[in-house]
PDB file of N, CA and C in Angstrom:
ATOM      1  N   MET A   1      96.751  86.743  98.295  1.00  0.00           N
ATOM      2  CA  MET A   1      97.623  86.760  97.414  1.00  0.00           C
ATOM      3  C   MET A   1      98.112  87.501  96.735  1.00  0.00           C
ATOM      4  N   GLN A   2      96.845  88.203  95.969  1.00  0.00           N
ATOM      5  CA  GLN A   2      96.786  88.958  94.861  1.00  0.00           C
ATOM      6  C   GLN A   2      97.549  90.064  95.059  1.00  0.00           C
ATOM      7  N   GLN A   3      97.534  90.995  96.119  1.00  0.00           N
ATOM      8  CA  GLN A   3      97.704  91.756  96.830  1.00  0.00           C
ATOM      9  C   GLN A   3      99.337  91.250  96.892  1.00  0.00           C
ATOM     10  N   ILE A   4     100.124  90.697  97.221  1.00  0.00           N
ATOM     11  CA  ILE A   4     101.762  90.581  96.960  1.00  0.00           C
ATOM     12  C   ILE A   4     102.126  90.654  95.602  1.00  0.00           C
ATOM     13  N   ALA A   5     101.610  89.888  94.614  1.00  0.00           N
ATOM     14  CA  ALA A   5     101.640  89.919  93.488  1.00  0.00           C
ATOM     15  C   ALA A   5     101.159  91.342  92.759  1.00  0.00           C
ATOM     16  N   GLY A   6     100.704  92.253  92.934  1.00  0.00           N
ATOM     17  CA  GLY A   6     100.609  93.403  92.526  1.00  0.00           C
ATOM     18  C   GLY A   6     101.778  94.144  93.152  1.00  0.00           C
ATOM     19  N   TRP A   7     101.851  94.343  94.429  1.00  0.00           N
ATOM     20  CA  TRP A   7     103.140  94.690  94.951  1.00  0.00           C
ATOM     21  C   TRP A   7     104.432  94.276  94.301  1.00  0.00           C
ATOM     22  N   LEU A   8     104.415  93.078  93.982  1.00  0.00           N
ATOM     23  CA  LEU A   8     105.671  92.788  93.474  1.00  0.00           C
ATOM     24  C   LEU A   8     106.021  93.324  91.811  1.00  0.00           C
ATOM     25  N   GLU A   9     104.711  93.420  91.369  1.00  0.00           N
ATOM     26  CA  GLU A   9     104.561  93.735  89.950  1.00  0.00           C
ATOM     27  C   GLU A   9     105.247  95.267  90.090  1.00  0.00           C
ATOM     28  N   LYS A  10     104.665  96.083  90.788  1.00  0.00           N
ATOM     29  CA  LYS A  10     104.855  97.752  91.202  1.00  0.00           C
ATOM     30  C   LYS A  10     106.281  97.719  91.179  1.00  0.00           C
ATOM     31  N   LEU A  11     106.907  96.712  91.911  1.00  0.00           N
ATOM     32  CA  LEU A  11     108.210  97.081  91.877  1.00  0.00           C
ATOM     33  C   LEU A  11     109.505  96.290  90.889  1.00  0.00           C
ATOM     34  N   GLY A  12     108.818  95.872  90.035  1.00  0.00           N
ATOM     35  CA  GLY A  12     109.178  95.299  88.447  1.00  0.00           C
ATOM     36  C   GLY A  12     109.815  93.630  89.076  1.00  0.00           C
ATOM     37  N   LEU A  13     109.136  93.266  89.918  1.00  0.00           N
ATOM     38  CA  LEU A  13     109.829  92.003  90.297  1.00  0.00           C
ATOM     39  C   LEU A  13     108.591  90.649  90.599  1.00  0.00           C
ATOM     40  N   SER A  14     107.774  90.634  89.275  1.00  0.00           N
ATOM     41  CA  SER A  14     106.805  90.130  89.359  1.00  0.00           C
ATOM     42  C   SER A  14     107.077  88.654  89.105  1.00  0.00           C
ATOM     43  N   GLU A  15     108.653  88.322  88.370  1.00  0.00           N
ATOM     44  CA  GLU A  15     108.795  86.546  88.445  1.00  0.00           C
ATOM     45  C   GLU A  15     109.219  85.793  90.293  1.00  0.00           C
ATOM     46  N   TYR A  16     108.854  86.578  90.959  1.00  0.00           N
ATOM     47  CA  TYR A  16     108.997  86.349  92.224  1.00  0.00           C
ATOM     48  C   TYR A  16     107.373  85.838  92.582  1.00  0.00           C
ATOM     49  N   ALA A  17     106.493  86.301  92.362  1.00  0.00           N
ATOM     50  CA  ALA A  17     105.312  86.362  92.895  1.00  0.00           C
ATOM     51  C   ALA A  17     104.624  84.472  93.047  1.00  0.00           C
ATOM     52  N   GLN A  18     105.347  83.685  92.200  1.00  0.00           N
ATOM     53  CA  GLN A  18     104.772  82.144  91.779  1.00  0.00           C
ATOM     54  C   GLN A  18     105.082  82.001  93.398  1.00  0.00           C
ATOM     55  N   ARG A  19     106.443  82.199  93.614  1.00  0.00           N
ATOM     56  CA  ARG A  19     107.355  81.764  94.946  1.00  0.00           C
ATOM     57  C   ARG A  19     106.990  82.187  95.779  1.00  0.00           C
ATOM     58  N   PHE A  20     106.401  83.081  96.099  1.00  0.00           N
ATOM     59  CA  PHE A  20     106.153  83.790  97.401  1.00  0.00           C
ATOM     60  C   PHE A  20     104.465  83.208  97.483  1.00  0.00           C
ATOM     61  N   ALA A  21     103.482  83.250  96.449  1.00  0.00           N
ATOM     62  CA  ALA A  21     102.107  82.388  97.092  1.00  0.00           C
ATOM     63  C   ALA A  21     102.769  80.967  97.628  1.00  0.00           C
ATOM     64  N   GLU A  22     103.571  80.131  96.605  1.00  0.00           N
ATOM     65  CA  GLU A  22     103.846  78.798  97.046  1.00  0.00           C
ATOM     66  C   GLU A  22     104.221  79.178  98.912  1.00  0.00           C
ATOM     67  N   ASN A  23     105.204  80.009  98.905  1.00  0.00           N
ATOM     68  CA  ASN A  23     105.245  79.327 100.388  1.00  0.00           C
ATOM     69  C   ASN A  23     104.397  80.620 101.407  1.00  0.00           C
ATOM     70  N   ALA A  24     103.281  80.514 101.144  1.00  0.00           N
ATOM     71  CA  ALA A  24     102.116  81.423 101.782  1.00  0.00           C
ATOM     72  C   ALA A  24     102.872  82.769 102.341  1.00  0.00           C
ATOM     73  N   ILE A  25     103.202  83.745 101.551  1.00  0.00           N
ATOM     74  CA  ILE A  25     103.748  85.358 101.894  1.00  0.00           C
ATOM     75  C   ILE A  25     103.159  85.684 101.206  1.00  0.00           C
ATOM     76  N   ASP A  26     102.003  86.905 102.301  1.00  0.00           N
ATOM     77  CA  ASP A  26     101.090  87.826 101.897  1.00  0.00           C
ATOM     78  C   ASP A  26     101.753  88.814 102.603  1.00  0.00           C
ATOM     79  N   LEU A  27     100.697  89.700 102.210  1.00  0.00           N
ATOM     80  CA  LEU A  27     101.292  91.326 103.250  1.00  0.00           C
ATOM     81  C   LEU A  27     101.639  91.457 104.671  1.00  0.00           C
ATOM     82  N   SER A  28     100.769  90.448 105.206  1.00  0.00           N
ATOM     83  CA  SER A  28     100.403  90.176 106.384  1.00  0.00           C
ATOM     84  C   SER A  28     101.879  89.456 106.983  1.00  0.00           C
ATOM     85  N   VAL A  29     102.675  88.915 106.387  1.00  0.00           N
ATOM     86  CA  VAL A  29     104.277  88.597 106.329  1.00  0.00           C
ATOM     87  C   VAL A  29     105.001  89.490 106.105  1.00  0.00           C
ATOM     88  N   ILE A  30     104.799  90.369 105.120  1.00  0.00           N
ATOM     89  CA  ILE A  30     106.313  90.430 104.129  1.00  0.00           C
ATOM     90  C   ILE A  30     107.361  91.414 105.528  1.00  0.00           C
ATOM     91  N   ARG A  31     106.724  92.056 106.556  1.00  0.00           N
ATOM     92  CA  ARG A  31     107.372  92.916 107.058  1.00  0.00           C
ATOM     93  C   ARG A  31     108.656  91.792 107.837  1.00  0.00           C
ATOM     94  N   ASP A  32     108.087  90.744 108.039  1.00  0.00           N
ATOM     95  CA  ASP A  32     108.853  89.558 108.764  1.00  0.00           C
ATOM     96  C   ASP A  32     110.134  88.810 107.967  1.00  0.00           C
ATOM     97  N   LEU A  33     110.203  89.340 106.878  1.00  0.00           N
ATOM     98  CA  LEU A  33     110.893  88.352 105.763  1.00  0.00           C
ATOM     99  C   LEU A  33     112.369  88.967 106.194  1.00  0.00           C
ATOM    100  N   THR A  34     113.146  87.994 106.385  1.00  0.00           N
ATOM    101  CA  THR A  34     114.852  88.522 106.326  1.00  0.00           C
ATOM    102  C   THR A  34     115.369  88.469 104.967  1.00  0.00           C
ATOM    103  N   GLU A  35     116.551  88.594 104.953  1.00  0.00           N
ATOM    104  CA  GLU A  35     117.531  88.193 103.525  1.00  0.00           C
ATOM    105  C   GLU A  35     117.562  87.210 103.566  1.00  0.00           C
ATOM    106  N   GLN A  36     117.886  86.367 104.313  1.00  0.00           N
ATOM    107  CA  GLN A  36     118.021  84.980 104.378  1.00  0.00           C
ATOM    108  C   GLN A  36     116.703  84.197 103.689  1.00  0.00           C
ATOM    109  N   ASP A  37     115.417  84.326 104.201  1.00  0.00           N
ATOM    110  CA  ASP A  37     114.295  84.198 104.111  1.00  0.00           C
ATOM    111  C   ASP A  37     114.213  84.549 102.065  1.00  0.00           C
ATOM    112  N   LEU A  38     114.466  85.674 102.037  1.00  0.00           N
ATOM    113  CA  LEU A  38     114.532  85.862 100.618  1.00  0.00           C
ATOM    114  C   LEU A  38     115.308  85.249  99.928  1.00  0.00           C
ATOM    115  N   LYS A  39     116.715  85.148 100.570  1.00  0.00           N
ATOM    116  CA  LYS A  39     117.818  84.264  99.612  1.00  0.00           C
ATOM    117  C   LYS A  39     117.274  82.835  99.525  1.00  0.00           C
ATOM    118  N   ASP A  40     116.672  82.165 100.591  1.00  0.00           N
ATOM    119  CA  ASP A  40     116.205  80.769 100.874  1.00  0.00           C
ATOM    120  C   ASP A  40     114.956  80.666  99.456  1.00  0.00           C
ATOM    121  N   LEU A  41     114.207  81.585  99.331  1.00  0.00           N
ATOM    122  CA  LEU A  41     112.899  81.724  98.098  1.00  0.00           C
ATOM    123  C   LEU A  41     113.779  81.651  96.263  1.00  0.00           C
ATOM    124  N   GLY A  42     115.278  82.090  96.540  1.00  0.00           N
ATOM    125  CA  GLY A  42     115.692  82.299  95.543  1.00  0.00           C
ATOM    126  C   GLY A  42     115.617  83.832  94.788  1.00  0.00           C
ATOM    127  N   VAL A  43     115.492  84.883  95.738  1.00  0.00           N
ATOM    128  CA  VAL A  43     116.010  86.039  95.266  1.00  0.00           C
ATOM    129  C   VAL A  43     116.964  86.432  95.173  1.00  0.00           C
ATOM    130  N   LEU A  44     117.199  87.063  93.977  1.00  0.00           N
ATOM    131  CA  LEU A  44     118.358  87.382  93.565  1.00  0.00           C
ATOM    132  C   LEU A  44     119.384  88.476  94.643  1.00  0.00           C
ATOM    133  N   LEU A  45     120.542  89.024  94.967  1.00  0.00           N
ATOM    134  CA  LEU A  45     120.516  90.059  96.106  1.00  0.00           C
ATOM    135  C   LEU A  45     120.047  91.555  95.658  1.00  0.00           C
ATOM    136  N   GLY A  46     120.259  91.704  94.459  1.00  0.00           N
ATOM    137  CA  GLY A  46     119.975  92.818  94.470  1.00  0.00           C
ATOM    138  C   GLY A  46     118.579  93.071  94.262  1.00  0.00           C
ATOM    139  N   HIS A  47     117.457  91.758  94.094  1.00  0.00           N
ATOM    140  CA  HIS A  47     116.088  92.065  94.366  1.00  0.00           C
ATOM    141  C   HIS A  47     116.099  91.974  95.596  1.00  0.00           C
ATOM    142  N   ARG A  48     116.131  91.338  96.373  1.00  0.00           N
ATOM    143  CA  ARG A  48     116.248  91.001  98.364  1.00  0.00           C
ATOM    144  C   ARG A  48     116.793  92.750  98.414  1.00  0.00           C
ATOM    145  N   ARG A  49     117.559  93.261  98.111  1.00  0.00           N
ATOM    146  CA  ARG A  49     117.794  94.580  98.714  1.00  0.00           C
ATOM    147  C   ARG A  49     116.843  95.564  98.534  1.00  0.00           C
ATOM    148  N   LYS A  50     115.895  95.304  97.018  1.00  0.00           N
ATOM    149  CA  LYS A  50     114.826  96.318  96.855  1.00  0.00           C
ATOM    150  C   LYS A  50     113.602  95.983  97.308  1.00  0.00           C
ATOM    151  N   ILE A  51     113.288  94.488  97.865  1.00  0.00           N
ATOM    152  CA  ILE A  51     112.122  93.948  98.692  1.00  0.00           C
ATOM    153  C   ILE A  51     112.465  94.726  99.885  1.00  0.00           C
ATOM    154  N   LEU A  52     113.281  94.395 100.568  1.00  0.00           N
ATOM    155  CA  LEU A  52     113.656  95.177 101.937  1.00  0.00           C
ATOM    156  C   LEU A  52     113.741  96.270 102.134  1.00  0.00           C
ATOM    157  N   ARG A  53     114.494  97.320 101.392  1.00  0.00           N
ATOM    158  CA  ARG A  53     114.275  98.801 101.196  1.00  0.00           C
ATOM    159  C   ARG A  53     112.809  99.180 101.211  1.00  0.00           C
ATOM    160  N   TYR A  54     111.597  98.777 100.177  1.00  0.00           N
ATOM    161  CA  TYR A  54     110.652  99.180 100.390  1.00  0.00           C
ATOM    162  C   TYR A  54     109.552  98.378 101.542  1.00  0.00           C
ATOM    163  N   VAL A  55     109.671  97.436 101.767  1.00  0.00           N
ATOM    164  CA  VAL A  55     109.044  96.746 102.779  1.00  0.00           C
ATOM    165  C   VAL A  55     109.085  97.624 104.141  1.00  0.00           C
ATOM    166  N   GLY A  56     110.118  98.954 104.348  1.00  0.00           N
ATOM    167  CA  GLY A  56     110.547  99.601 105.348  1.00  0.00           C
ATOM    168  C   GLY A  56     111.500 100.681 105.446  1.00  0.00           C
ATOM    169  N   ASP A  57     110.591 101.663 105.684  1.00  0.00           N
ATOM    170  CA  ASP A  57     111.770 103.058 105.750  1.00  0.00           C
ATOM    171  C   ASP A  57     113.047 103.062 107.062  1.00  0.00           C
ATOM    172  N   ASP A  58     113.424 104.205 106.866  1.00  0.00           N
ATOM    173  CA  ASP A  58     114.810 104.217 107.842  1.00  0.00           C
ATOM    174  C   ASP A  58     113.788 104.028 109.398  1.00  0.00           C
ATOM    175  N   ALA A  59     112.761 104.411 109.692  1.00  0.00           N
ATOM    176  CA  ALA A  59     112.315 104.838 110.918  1.00  0.00           C
ATOM    177  C   ALA A  59     111.929 103.219 110.968  1.00  0.00           C
ATOM    178  N   GLY A  60     111.631 102.054 110.490  1.00  0.00           N
ATOM    179  CA  GLY A  60     110.866 101.099 110.771  1.00  0.00           C
ATOM    180  C   GLY A  60     109.811 101.019 110.107  1.00  0.00           C
ATOM    181  N   GLU A  61     109.249 101.888 109.967  1.00  0.00           N
ATOM    182  CA  GLU A  61     107.623 101.589 109.589  1.00  0.00           C
ATOM    183  C   GLU A  61     107.554 101.109 107.899  1.00  0.00           C
ATOM    184  N   PRO A  62     106.494 100.454 107.985  1.00  0.00           N
ATOM    185  CA  PRO A  62     106.106 100.183 106.295  1.00  0.00           C
ATOM    186  C   PRO A  62     105.892 101.073 105.232  1.00  0.00           C
ATOM    187  N   ALA A  63     106.396 100.197 104.481  1.00  0.00           N
ATOM    188  CA  ALA A  63     106.169 101.584 103.145  1.00  0.00           C
ATOM    189  C   ALA A  63     105.701 100.572 101.982  1.00  0.00           C
ATOM    190  N   LEU A  64     104.540 100.107 102.819  1.00  0.00           N
ATOM    191  CA  LEU A  64     103.898  98.887 101.795  1.00  0.00           C
ATOM    192  C   LEU A  64     102.604  99.464 100.688  1.00  0.00           C
ATOM    193  N   VAL A  65     102.306 100.797 101.103  1.00  0.00           N
ATOM    194  CA  VAL A  65     101.370 101.402 100.452  1.00  0.00           C
ATOM    195  C   VAL A  65     101.640 102.629  99.569  1.00  0.00           C
ATOM    196  N   GLY A  66     101.040 102.642  98.468  1.00  0.00           N
ATOM    197  CA  GLY A  66     101.270 103.496  97.471  1.00  0.00           C
ATOM    198  C   GLY A  66     102.372 102.811  96.134  1.00  0.00           C
ATOM    199  N   SER A  67     103.335 104.273  96.037  1.00  0.00           N
ATOM    200  CA  SER A  67     104.406 103.236  94.452  1.00  0.00           C
ATOM    201  C   SER A  67     105.587 103.146  95.178  1.00  0.00           C
ATOM    202  N   PRO A  68     106.172 102.431  94.637  1.00  0.00           N
ATOM    203  CA  PRO A  68     107.845 102.322  94.972  1.00  0.00           C
ATOM    204  C   PRO A  68     108.629 103.571  95.483  1.00  0.00           C
ATOM    205  N   ARG A  69     109.192 103.572  96.119  1.00  0.00           N
ATOM    206  CA  ARG A  69     110.058 105.151  96.252  1.00  0.00           C
ATOM    207  C   ARG A  69     111.454 104.412  95.309  1.00  0.00           C
ATOM    208  N   PRO A  70     111.470 105.553  94.714  1.00  0.00           N
ATOM    209  CA  PRO A  70     112.883 105.497  93.710  1.00  0.00           C
ATOM    210  C   PRO A  70     114.121 105.036  93.837  1.00  0.00           C
TER     211      PRO A  70
END
């Protein structure tokens, strides 16, 4: 769970780390999250968009490694 907390921190969204941990969301399932899943977790609309953008690029490949894109 520390990996997901660190990743959220890099995105500037560390306030969601506890919610992700409480719902057993880690890097192995983050790619499967939908906008509705994030909404159910209480993630704000702009933050949902940001998370979904960084989970995968236009080709559908995960972009979880390295720094967030601008």
